[in-house]
Each structure stands twice: as structure tokens, then as C-alpha cells.
């Protein structure tokens, strides 16, 4: 379950930001886990919720958006939505597809509480 190590890294990054930018509490953490990122969102949420007690994220709302995978089909010159990297083009059944978005896990926004 690599979601545990992902959650550890997210908490570490936020705690480092808190130390650097002098805030002690986070109100909202917004993440983006694309459909092609290889992240099980429920497992990531579980891991984050288990790790935040005692950190600046304790009590924070954790929002995880799941954008679809988007790719460019070289065969028919069309931008398409895909659910896995192995999918053929849904428009022409062709290959190769170049992934354009939905393949990353990233912190999108961090709303902090000034005290």
C-alpha cells in the first residue's frame, strides 16, 4: 500500500511549510489524484486521517479531487478521456496515446489559519 508513504510525504511537506511560513493550523488541504496516477483515493484518505492527529493538519478538511485521464490520440488527432494508460483511443480504437493530464498526485491548495 504505497498510499501510506504518499500520505507520510504529504504530511511532511505540509509540516515543513508550516515551519517555514509560520502557521500552526491548516483549515483545508486540497489534493488532486488523477485517474491515471495509480493512487487508491480511499486508501490515501484513510492513511492521511490516521496520520494527522498531533500535526498542523489535525481537524483540517481534506478534499481530494479525481480528474479524469486525458490523452492525445496520434492516430485520429483527437483529445480523449481514458481510464487507464492501456486504453485504446475511444474514438478510433487506435494507439499510441500521449497522456496529457490526470497522471499526477499533487497538492492544489492549502488554506491555513492565522493565529
Protein backbone atom coordinates (compact mmCIF):
# COMPACT_ATOMS: atom_id res chain seq x y z
CA UNK A 1 0.00 0.00 0.00
CA UNK A 2 2.08 2.91 -1.26
CA UNK A 3 -0.68 5.31 -0.24
CA UNK A 4 0.76 5.21 3.28
CA UNK A 5 4.12 6.52 2.07
CA UNK A 6 2.34 9.11 -0.08
CA UNK A 7 0.37 10.29 2.95
CA UNK A 8 3.58 10.47 5.03
CA UNK A 9 5.19 12.64 2.37
CA UNK A 10 2.17 14.95 2.14
CA UNK A 11 2.10 15.43 5.92
CA UNK A 12 5.87 16.03 5.93
CA UNK A 13 5.55 18.65 3.17
CA UNK A 14 2.73 20.48 4.96
CA UNK A 15 4.57 20.40 8.30
CA UNK A 16 7.69 21.81 6.56
CA UNK A 17 5.59 24.58 5.06
CA UNK A 18 4.13 25.35 8.49
CA UNK A 19 7.60 25.70 9.98
CA UNK A 20 8.86 27.81 7.07
CA UNK A 21 5.78 30.06 6.74
CA UNK A 22 4.93 30.28 10.45
CA UNK A 23 1.43 28.87 10.64
CA UNK A 24 0.22 26.33 13.16
CA UNK A 25 -3.04 25.05 11.72
CA UNK A 26 -4.48 24.10 8.37
CA UNK A 27 -8.19 24.60 7.67
CA UNK A 28 -8.28 22.86 4.29
CA UNK A 29 -5.90 20.64 2.34
CA UNK A 30 -6.91 20.20 -1.29
CA UNK A 31 -5.28 17.43 -3.29
CA UNK A 32 -5.64 16.21 -6.84
CA UNK A 33 -5.23 12.49 -7.56
CA UNK A 34 -5.67 11.93 -11.27
CA UNK A 35 -7.35 8.80 -12.57
CA UNK A 36 -4.04 7.68 -14.10
CA UNK A 37 -1.89 8.46 -11.03
CA UNK A 38 -2.09 4.94 -9.63
CA UNK A 39 -3.45 6.16 -6.30
CA UNK A 40 -6.29 4.46 -4.45
CA UNK A 41 -8.06 7.57 -3.16
CA UNK A 42 -9.93 5.82 -0.32
CA UNK A 43 -6.67 4.30 0.96
CA UNK A 44 -4.89 7.67 0.72
CA UNK A 45 -7.70 9.37 2.65
CA UNK A 46 -7.59 6.64 5.32
CA UNK A 47 -3.81 6.98 5.66
CA UNK A 48 -3.98 10.77 5.89
CA UNK A 49 -6.73 10.67 8.51
CA UNK A 50 -4.65 8.22 10.57
CA UNK A 51 -1.55 10.44 10.42
CA UNK A 52 -2.89 13.95 11.03
CA UNK A 53 -3.53 13.80 14.80
CA UNK A 54 -0.86 15.89 16.51
CA UNK A 55 0.09 17.72 13.31
CA UNK A 56 -0.94 21.08 11.87
CA UNK A 57 -3.42 19.12 9.73
CA UNK A 58 -5.44 17.90 12.73
CA UNK A 59 -9.05 18.97 12.20
CA UNK A 60 -8.42 20.10 8.61
CA UNK A 61 -10.87 19.32 5.83
CA UNK A 62 -9.13 17.06 3.32
CA UNK A 63 -10.53 17.43 -0.19
CA UNK A 64 -9.31 15.06 -2.90
CA UNK A 65 -10.38 15.80 -6.47
CA UNK A 66 -10.11 12.98 -9.02
CA UNK A 67 -9.75 14.45 -12.52
CA UNK A 68 -10.13 12.03 -15.43
CA UNK A 69 -7.25 10.92 -17.57
CA UNK A 70 -6.93 12.91 -20.79
CA UNK A 71 -4.79 11.86 -23.73
CA UNK A 72 -3.97 12.80 -27.30
CA UNK A 73 -4.50 10.14 -29.96
CA UNK A 74 -1.87 10.31 -32.68
CA UNK A 75 -3.93 8.07 -34.97
CA UNK A 76 -7.00 10.32 -35.21
CA UNK A 77 -5.57 13.59 -33.83
CA UNK A 78 -8.17 13.83 -31.08
CA UNK A 79 -8.03 14.62 -27.36
CA UNK A 80 -9.87 11.86 -25.48
CA UNK A 81 -10.75 10.72 -21.96
CA UNK A 82 -9.20 7.44 -20.81
CA UNK A 83 -9.45 5.43 -17.59
CA UNK A 84 -6.14 3.53 -17.80
CA UNK A 85 -2.86 4.01 -19.65
CA UNK A 86 -3.54 0.80 -21.59
CA UNK A 87 -6.82 2.07 -23.07
CA UNK A 88 -7.06 2.41 -26.83
CA UNK A 89 -8.49 5.61 -28.25
CA UNK A 90 -12.25 5.57 -27.59
CA UNK A 91 -12.81 7.44 -30.87
CA UNK A 92 -10.84 5.24 -33.30
CA UNK A 93 -9.53 2.28 -31.23
CA UNK A 94 -6.03 3.41 -32.18
CA UNK A 95 -2.66 3.77 -30.50
CA UNK A 96 -0.43 5.39 -29.34
CA UNK A 97 -1.98 7.78 -26.87
CA UNK A 98 0.03 10.54 -25.20
CA UNK A 99 -1.19 11.28 -21.67
CA UNK A 100 -1.98 14.98 -21.22
CA UNK A 101 -3.45 15.11 -17.71
CA UNK A 102 -4.76 13.03 -14.84
CA UNK A 103 -1.49 11.23 -14.12
CA UNK A 104 -0.35 13.14 -11.03
CA UNK A 105 -0.90 13.40 -7.31
CA UNK A 106 -0.39 16.97 -6.20
CA UNK A 107 -1.22 19.48 -3.51
CA UNK A 108 -3.50 22.02 -5.14
CA UNK A 109 -4.29 24.34 -2.23
CA UNK A 110 -3.58 24.78 1.43
CA UNK A 111 -5.82 27.09 3.47
CA UNK A 112 -4.14 27.97 6.75
CA UNK A 113 -5.46 29.52 9.94
CA UNK A 114 -3.51 32.55 11.12
CA UNK A 115 -3.20 32.61 14.90
